[in-house]
Amino acid sequence: MEHLFYKIVIEPQPEGGFTAFVPKLPGCVSEGETYAETLDNIKEALELYLETLRDRHRKIVIDDTHITEVCVEV
């Protein structure tokens, strides 16, 4: 079994709860009532997404994205 690492984005929603997505994998999205639940849900969605790619003999995209924060003055 290979360990792969992917960046995820978790955003709070105005109506409550959170939405998460994996920028490198279009359509890999999940949600939850709490941050922790959302994190668990997106991890499960990510695993299923990658298993589906593997089962369909599709290429698994490796996340080579680099994320950094910058400070700007406005």
PDB file of N, CA and C in Angstrom:
ATOM      1  N   MET A   1       0.839  -1.175   0.000  1.00  0.00           N
ATOM      2  CA  MET A   1       0.000   0.000   0.000  1.00  0.00           C
ATOM      3  C   MET A   1       0.888   1.243   0.000  1.00  0.00           C
ATOM      4  N   GLU A   2       0.557   2.173  -0.843  1.00  0.00           N
ATOM      5  CA  GLU A   2       1.322   3.409  -0.997  1.00  0.00           C
ATOM      6  C   GLU A   2       0.639   4.541  -0.238  1.00  0.00           C
ATOM      7  N   HIS A   3       1.422   5.395   0.404  1.00  0.00           N
ATOM      8  CA  HIS A   3       0.875   6.563   1.093  1.00  0.00           C
ATOM      9  C   HIS A   3       1.001   7.765   0.173  1.00  0.00           C
ATOM     10  N   LEU A   4      -0.118   8.402  -0.105  1.00  0.00           N
ATOM     11  CA  LEU A   4      -0.148   9.594  -0.943  1.00  0.00           C
ATOM     12  C   LEU A   4      -0.656  10.759  -0.109  1.00  0.00           C
ATOM     13  N   PHE A   5      -0.144  11.940  -0.382  1.00  0.00           N
ATOM     14  CA  PHE A   5      -0.551  13.131   0.354  1.00  0.00           C
ATOM     15  C   PHE A   5      -1.183  14.124  -0.608  1.00  0.00           C
ATOM     16  N   TYR A   6      -2.339  14.669  -0.219  1.00  0.00           N
ATOM     17  CA  TYR A   6      -3.059  15.645  -1.030  1.00  0.00           C
ATOM     18  C   TYR A   6      -3.431  16.842  -0.163  1.00  0.00           C
ATOM     19  N   LYS A   7      -3.378  18.024  -0.773  1.00  0.00           N
ATOM     20  CA  LYS A   7      -3.839  19.221  -0.080  1.00  0.00           C
ATOM     21  C   LYS A   7      -5.357  19.247  -0.170  1.00  0.00           C
ATOM     22  N   ILE A   8      -5.991  19.682   0.903  1.00  0.00           N
ATOM     23  CA  ILE A   8      -7.436  19.870   0.894  1.00  0.00           C
ATOM     24  C   ILE A   8      -7.736  21.281   1.366  1.00  0.00           C
ATOM     25  N   VAL A   9      -8.877  21.781   0.958  1.00  0.00           N
ATOM     26  CA  VAL A   9      -9.344  23.091   1.392  1.00  0.00           C
ATOM     27  C   VAL A   9     -10.642  22.861   2.155  1.00  0.00           C
ATOM     28  N   ILE A  10     -10.712  23.401   3.362  1.00  0.00           N
ATOM     29  CA  ILE A  10     -11.930  23.313   4.159  1.00  0.00           C
ATOM     30  C   ILE A  10     -12.410  24.738   4.421  1.00  0.00           C
ATOM     31  N   GLU A  11     -13.652  24.991   4.043  1.00  0.00           N
ATOM     32  CA  GLU A  11     -14.218  26.335   4.179  1.00  0.00           C
ATOM     33  C   GLU A  11     -15.496  26.287   5.018  1.00  0.00           C
ATOM     34  N   PRO A  12     -15.641  27.219   5.960  1.00  0.00           N
ATOM     35  CA  PRO A  12     -16.899  27.304   6.695  1.00  0.00           C
ATOM     36  C   PRO A  12     -18.003  27.815   5.769  1.00  0.00           C
ATOM     37  N   GLN A  13     -19.215  27.353   6.004  1.00  0.00           N
ATOM     38  CA  GLN A  13     -20.343  27.773   5.190  1.00  0.00           C
ATOM     39  C   GLN A  13     -21.223  28.736   5.989  1.00  0.00           C
ATOM     40  N   PRO A  14     -21.788  29.752   5.330  1.00  0.00           N
ATOM     41  CA  PRO A  14     -22.590  30.753   6.035  1.00  0.00           C
ATOM     42  C   PRO A  14     -23.769  30.140   6.807  1.00  0.00           C
ATOM     43  N   GLU A  15     -24.339  29.078   6.262  1.00  0.00           N
ATOM     44  CA  GLU A  15     -25.496  28.443   6.899  1.00  0.00           C
ATOM     45  C   GLU A  15     -25.088  27.456   8.000  1.00  0.00           C
ATOM     46  N   GLY A  16     -23.783  27.302   8.211  1.00  0.00           N
ATOM     47  CA  GLY A  16     -23.260  26.380   9.209  1.00  0.00           C
ATOM     48  C   GLY A  16     -22.587  25.199   8.554  1.00  0.00           C
ATOM     49  N   GLY A  17     -21.729  24.554   9.278  1.00  0.00           N
ATOM     50  CA  GLY A  17     -20.989  23.418   8.747  1.00  0.00           C
ATOM     51  C   GLY A  17     -19.834  23.854   7.874  1.00  0.00           C
ATOM     52  N   PHE A  18     -19.236  22.884   7.230  1.00  0.00           N
ATOM     53  CA  PHE A  18     -18.049  23.112   6.415  1.00  0.00           C
ATOM     54  C   PHE A  18     -18.138  22.329   5.117  1.00  0.00           C
ATOM     55  N   THR A  19     -17.470  22.827   4.098  1.00  0.00           N
ATOM     56  CA  THR A  19     -17.312  22.127   2.828  1.00  0.00           C
ATOM     57  C   THR A  19     -15.817  21.945   2.593  1.00  0.00           C
ATOM     58  N   ALA A  20     -15.445  20.783   2.057  1.00  0.00           N
ATOM     59  CA  ALA A  20     -14.039  20.496   1.765  1.00  0.00           C
ATOM     60  C   ALA A  20     -13.907  20.013   0.336  1.00  0.00           C
ATOM     61  N   PHE A  21     -12.770  20.334  -0.281  1.00  0.00           N
ATOM     62  CA  PHE A  21     -12.484  19.819  -1.617  1.00  0.00           C
ATOM     63  C   PHE A  21     -10.988  19.622  -1.790  1.00  0.00           C
ATOM     64  N   VAL A  22     -10.658  18.788  -2.774  1.00  0.00           N
ATOM     65  CA  VAL A  22      -9.264  18.501  -3.112  1.00  0.00           C
ATOM     66  C   VAL A  22      -8.984  19.200  -4.440  1.00  0.00           C
ATOM     67  N   PRO A  23      -8.239  20.313  -4.437  1.00  0.00           N
ATOM     68  CA  PRO A  23      -8.030  21.072  -5.670  1.00  0.00           C
ATOM     69  C   PRO A  23      -7.442  20.251  -6.819  1.00  0.00           C
ATOM     70  N   LYS A  24      -6.596  19.294  -6.532  1.00  0.00           N
ATOM     71  CA  LYS A  24      -5.935  18.519  -7.585  1.00  0.00           C
ATOM     72  C   LYS A  24      -6.868  17.478  -8.208  1.00  0.00           C
ATOM     73  N   LEU A  25      -7.999  17.173  -7.550  1.00  0.00           N
ATOM     74  CA  LEU A  25      -8.911  16.126  -8.023  1.00  0.00           C
ATOM     75  C   LEU A  25     -10.310  16.705  -8.208  1.00  0.00           C
ATOM     76  N   PRO A  26     -10.625  17.167  -9.405  1.00  0.00           N
ATOM     77  CA  PRO A  26     -11.932  17.780  -9.657  1.00  0.00           C
ATOM     78  C   PRO A  26     -13.082  16.850  -9.251  1.00  0.00           C
ATOM     79  N   GLY A  27     -14.033  17.408  -8.521  1.00  0.00           N
ATOM     80  CA  GLY A  27     -15.193  16.637  -8.111  1.00  0.00           C
ATOM     81  C   GLY A  27     -15.036  15.916  -6.791  1.00  0.00           C
ATOM     82  N   CYS A  28     -13.859  15.954  -6.210  1.00  0.00           N
ATOM     83  CA  CYS A  28     -13.641  15.314  -4.914  1.00  0.00           C
ATOM     84  C   CYS A  28     -14.004  16.329  -3.837  1.00  0.00           C
ATOM     85  N   VAL A  29     -15.263  16.240  -3.379  1.00  0.00           N
ATOM     86  CA  VAL A  29     -15.846  17.225  -2.477  1.00  0.00           C
ATOM     87  C   VAL A  29     -16.603  16.495  -1.382  1.00  0.00           C
ATOM     88  N   SER A  30     -16.646  17.092  -0.204  1.00  0.00           N
ATOM     89  CA  SER A  30     -17.451  16.544   0.888  1.00  0.00           C
ATOM     90  C   SER A  30     -17.827  17.681   1.823  1.00  0.00           C
ATOM     91  N   GLU A  31     -18.605  17.348   2.846  1.00  0.00           N
ATOM     92  CA  GLU A  31     -19.029  18.362   3.806  1.00  0.00           C
ATOM     93  C   GLU A  31     -19.263  17.706   5.157  1.00  0.00           C
ATOM     94  N   GLY A  32     -19.480  18.536   6.159  1.00  0.00           N
ATOM     95  CA  GLY A  32     -19.764  18.036   7.492  1.00  0.00           C
ATOM     96  C   GLY A  32     -20.252  19.156   8.386  1.00  0.00           C
ATOM     97  N   GLU A  33     -20.801  18.770   9.522  1.00  0.00           N
ATOM     98  CA  GLU A  33     -21.294  19.751  10.488  1.00  0.00           C
ATOM     99  C   GLU A  33     -20.160  20.406  11.266  1.00  0.00           C
ATOM    100  N   THR A  34     -19.101  19.638  11.548  1.00  0.00           N
ATOM    101  CA  THR A  34     -17.959  20.165  12.280  1.00  0.00           C
ATOM    102  C   THR A  34     -16.706  20.051  11.414  1.00  0.00           C
ATOM    103  N   TYR A  35     -15.661  20.767  11.827  1.00  0.00           N
ATOM    104  CA  TYR A  35     -14.388  20.694  11.108  1.00  0.00           C
ATOM    105  C   TYR A  35     -13.868  19.259  11.098  1.00  0.00           C
ATOM    106  N   ALA A  36     -13.902  18.607  12.270  1.00  0.00           N
ATOM    107  CA  ALA A  36     -13.394  17.232  12.387  1.00  0.00           C
ATOM    108  C   ALA A  36     -14.198  16.264  11.519  1.00  0.00           C
ATOM    109  N   GLU A  37     -15.515  16.404  11.525  1.00  0.00           N
ATOM    110  CA  GLU A  37     -16.360  15.535  10.700  1.00  0.00           C
ATOM    111  C   GLU A  37     -16.064  15.759   9.217  1.00  0.00           C
ATOM    112  N   THR A  38     -15.879  17.019   8.850  1.00  0.00           N
ATOM    113  CA  THR A  38     -15.571  17.349   7.455  1.00  0.00           C
ATOM    114  C   THR A  38     -14.233  16.745   7.046  1.00  0.00           C
ATOM    115  N   LEU A  39     -13.255  16.811   7.917  1.00  0.00           N
ATOM    116  CA  LEU A  39     -11.945  16.227   7.637  1.00  0.00           C
ATOM    117  C   LEU A  39     -12.055  14.715   7.442  1.00  0.00           C
ATOM    118  N   ASP A  40     -12.800  14.038   8.303  1.00  0.00           N
ATOM    119  CA  ASP A  40     -13.021  12.598   8.146  1.00  0.00           C
ATOM    120  C   ASP A  40     -13.736  12.296   6.835  1.00  0.00           C
ATOM    121  N   ASN A  41     -14.750  13.091   6.519  1.00  0.00           N
ATOM    122  CA  ASN A  41     -15.545  12.853   5.308  1.00  0.00           C
ATOM    123  C   ASN A  41     -14.728  13.061   4.034  1.00  0.00           C
ATOM    124  N   ILE A  42     -13.887  14.101   4.000  1.00  0.00           N
ATOM    125  CA  ILE A  42     -13.104  14.343   2.783  1.00  0.00           C
ATOM    126  C   ILE A  42     -12.014  13.287   2.639  1.00  0.00           C
ATOM    127  N   LYS A  43     -11.495  12.792   3.737  1.00  0.00           N
ATOM    128  CA  LYS A  43     -10.504  11.712   3.651  1.00  0.00           C
ATOM    129  C   LYS A  43     -11.153  10.462   3.041  1.00  0.00           C
ATOM    130  N   GLU A  44     -12.353  10.141   3.490  1.00  0.00           N
ATOM    131  CA  GLU A  44     -13.070   8.995   2.925  1.00  0.00           C
ATOM    132  C   GLU A  44     -13.381   9.218   1.439  1.00  0.00           C
ATOM    133  N   ALA A  45     -13.827  10.429   1.091  1.00  0.00           N
ATOM    134  CA  ALA A  45     -14.114  10.746  -0.310  1.00  0.00           C
ATOM    135  C   ALA A  45     -12.855  10.631  -1.161  1.00  0.00           C
ATOM    136  N   LEU A  46     -11.731  11.094  -0.642  1.00  0.00           N
ATOM    137  CA  LEU A  46     -10.454  11.017  -1.351  1.00  0.00           C
ATOM    138  C   LEU A  46     -10.035   9.575  -1.591  1.00  0.00           C
ATOM    139  N   GLU A  47     -10.169   8.736  -0.560  1.00  0.00           N
ATOM    140  CA  GLU A  47      -9.826   7.320  -0.716  1.00  0.00           C
ATOM    141  C   GLU A  47     -10.702   6.652  -1.764  1.00  0.00           C
ATOM    142  N   LEU A  48     -12.007   6.928  -1.742  1.00  0.00           N
ATOM    143  CA  LEU A  48     -12.914   6.347  -2.726  1.00  0.00           C
ATOM    144  C   LEU A  48     -12.605   6.851  -4.141  1.00  0.00           C
ATOM    145  N   TYR A  49     -12.283   8.127  -4.251  1.00  0.00           N
ATOM    146  CA  TYR A  49     -11.936   8.724  -5.539  1.00  0.00           C
ATOM    147  C   TYR A  49     -10.723   8.004  -6.138  1.00  0.00           C
ATOM    148  N   LEU A  50      -9.691   7.826  -5.316  1.00  0.00           N
ATOM    149  CA  LEU A  50      -8.464   7.186  -5.806  1.00  0.00           C
ATOM    150  C   LEU A  50      -8.673   5.701  -6.095  1.00  0.00           C
ATOM    151  N   GLU A  51      -9.471   5.027  -5.274  1.00  0.00           N
ATOM    152  CA  GLU A  51      -9.788   3.618  -5.533  1.00  0.00           C
ATOM    153  C   GLU A  51     -10.527   3.469  -6.857  1.00  0.00           C
ATOM    154  N   THR A  52     -11.431   4.383  -7.139  1.00  0.00           N
ATOM    155  CA  THR A  52     -12.176   4.347  -8.401  1.00  0.00           C
ATOM    156  C   THR A  52     -11.235   4.540  -9.585  1.00  0.00           C
ATOM    157  N   LEU A  53     -10.310   5.493  -9.462  1.00  0.00           N
ATOM    158  CA  LEU A  53      -9.326   5.675 -10.529  1.00  0.00           C
ATOM    159  C   LEU A  53      -8.529   4.393 -10.755  1.00  0.00           C
ATOM    160  N   ARG A  54      -8.062   3.803  -9.672  1.00  0.00           N
ATOM    161  CA  ARG A  54      -7.274   2.570  -9.770  1.00  0.00           C
ATOM    162  C   ARG A  54      -8.096   1.445 -10.398  1.00  0.00           C
ATOM    163  N   ASP A  55      -9.348   1.262  -9.950  1.00  0.00           N
ATOM    164  CA  ASP A  55     -10.202   0.196 -10.462  1.00  0.00           C
ATOM    165  C   ASP A  55     -10.516   0.366 -11.947  1.00  0.00           C
ATOM    166  N   ARG A  56     -10.540   1.612 -12.398  1.00  0.00           N
ATOM    167  CA  ARG A  56     -10.820   1.899 -13.820  1.00  0.00           C
ATOM    168  C   ARG A  56      -9.541   2.031 -14.639  1.00  0.00           C
ATOM    169  N   HIS A  57      -8.423   1.691 -14.017  1.00  0.00           N
ATOM    170  CA  HIS A  57      -7.109   1.735 -14.671  1.00  0.00           C
ATOM    171  C   HIS A  57      -6.782   3.125 -15.205  1.00  0.00           C
ATOM    172  N   ARG A  58      -7.192   4.120 -14.430  1.00  0.00           N
ATOM    173  CA  ARG A  58      -6.888   5.503 -14.771  1.00  0.00           C
ATOM    174  C   ARG A  58      -5.652   5.954 -14.001  1.00  0.00           C
ATOM    175  N   LYS A  59      -4.985   6.939 -14.533  1.00  0.00           N
ATOM    176  CA  LYS A  59      -3.783   7.463 -13.892  1.00  0.00           C
ATOM    177  C   LYS A  59      -4.156   8.188 -12.597  1.00  0.00           C
ATOM    178  N   ILE A  60      -3.433   7.891 -11.535  1.00  0.00           N
ATOM    179  CA  ILE A  60      -3.617   8.595 -10.271  1.00  0.00           C
ATOM    180  C   ILE A  60      -2.726   9.825 -10.290  1.00  0.00           C
ATOM    181  N   VAL A  61      -3.350  10.976 -10.196  1.00  0.00           N
ATOM    182  CA  VAL A  61      -2.633  12.243 -10.231  1.00  0.00           C
ATOM    183  C   VAL A  61      -1.973  12.478  -8.875  1.00  0.00           C
ATOM    184  N   ILE A  62      -0.698  12.766  -8.913  1.00  0.00           N
ATOM    185  CA  ILE A  62       0.052  13.066  -7.702  1.00  0.00           C
ATOM    186  C   ILE A  62      -0.061  14.559  -7.420  1.00  0.00           C
ATOM    187  N   ASP A  63      -0.272  14.910  -6.172  1.00  0.00           N
ATOM    188  CA  ASP A  63      -0.402  16.319  -5.794  1.00  0.00           C
ATOM    189  C   ASP A  63       0.984  16.930  -5.610  1.00  0.00           C
ATOM    190  N   ASP A  64       1.370  17.758  -6.553  1.00  0.00           N
ATOM    191  CA  ASP A  64       2.659  18.441  -6.487  1.00  0.00           C
ATOM    192  C   ASP A  64       2.479  19.932  -6.204  1.00  0.00           C
ATOM    193  N   THR A  65       1.300  20.285  -5.708  1.00  0.00           N
ATOM    194  CA  THR A  65       0.969  21.673  -5.410  1.00  0.00           C
ATOM    195  C   THR A  65       1.727  22.156  -4.180  1.00  0.00           C
ATOM    196  N   HIS A  66       2.233  23.358  -4.260  1.00  0.00           N
ATOM    197  CA  HIS A  66       2.877  23.993  -3.110  1.00  0.00           C
ATOM    198  C   HIS A  66       1.998  25.147  -2.656  1.00  0.00           C
ATOM    199  N   ILE A  67       1.725  25.190  -1.379  1.00  0.00           N
ATOM    200  CA  ILE A  67       0.873  26.234  -0.831  1.00  0.00           C
ATOM    201  C   ILE A  67       1.707  27.080   0.120  1.00  0.00           C
ATOM    202  N   THR A  68       1.561  28.380  -0.028  1.00  0.00           N
ATOM    203  CA  THR A  68       2.257  29.288   0.859  1.00  0.00           C
ATOM    204  C   THR A  68       1.347  30.470   1.146  1.00  0.00           C
ATOM    205  N   GLU A  69       1.651  31.185   2.188  1.00  0.00           N
ATOM    206  CA  GLU A  69       0.917  32.370   2.543  1.00  0.00           C
ATOM    207  C   GLU A  69       1.778  33.577   2.287  1.00  0.00           C
ATOM    208  N   VAL A  70       1.202  34.633   1.790  1.00  0.00           N
ATOM    209  CA  VAL A  70       1.949  35.873   1.607  1.00  0.00           C
ATOM    210  C   VAL A  70       1.186  37.001   2.286  1.00  0.00           C
ATOM    211  N   CYS A  71       1.905  37.989   2.711  1.00  0.00           N
ATOM    212  CA  CYS A  71       1.308  39.155   3.338  1.00  0.00           C
ATOM    213  C   CYS A  71       1.396  40.321   2.344  1.00  0.00           C
ATOM    214  N   VAL A  72       0.298  40.992   2.141  1.00  0.00           N
ATOM    215  CA  VAL A  72       0.297  42.168   1.265  1.00  0.00           C
ATOM    216  C   VAL A  72      -0.290  43.346   2.018  1.00  0.00           C
ATOM    217  N   GLU A  73       0.124  44.524   1.623  1.00  0.00           N
ATOM    218  CA  GLU A  73      -0.444  45.730   2.216  1.00  0.00           C
ATOM    219  C   GLU A  73      -1.457  46.316   1.260  1.00  0.00           C
ATOM    220  N   VAL A  74      -2.598  46.725   1.815  1.00  0.00           N
ATOM    221  CA  VAL A  74      -3.627  47.372   0.994  1.00  0.00           C
ATOM    222  C   VAL A  74      -4.098  48.634   1.677  1.00  0.00           C
TER     223      VAL A  74
END
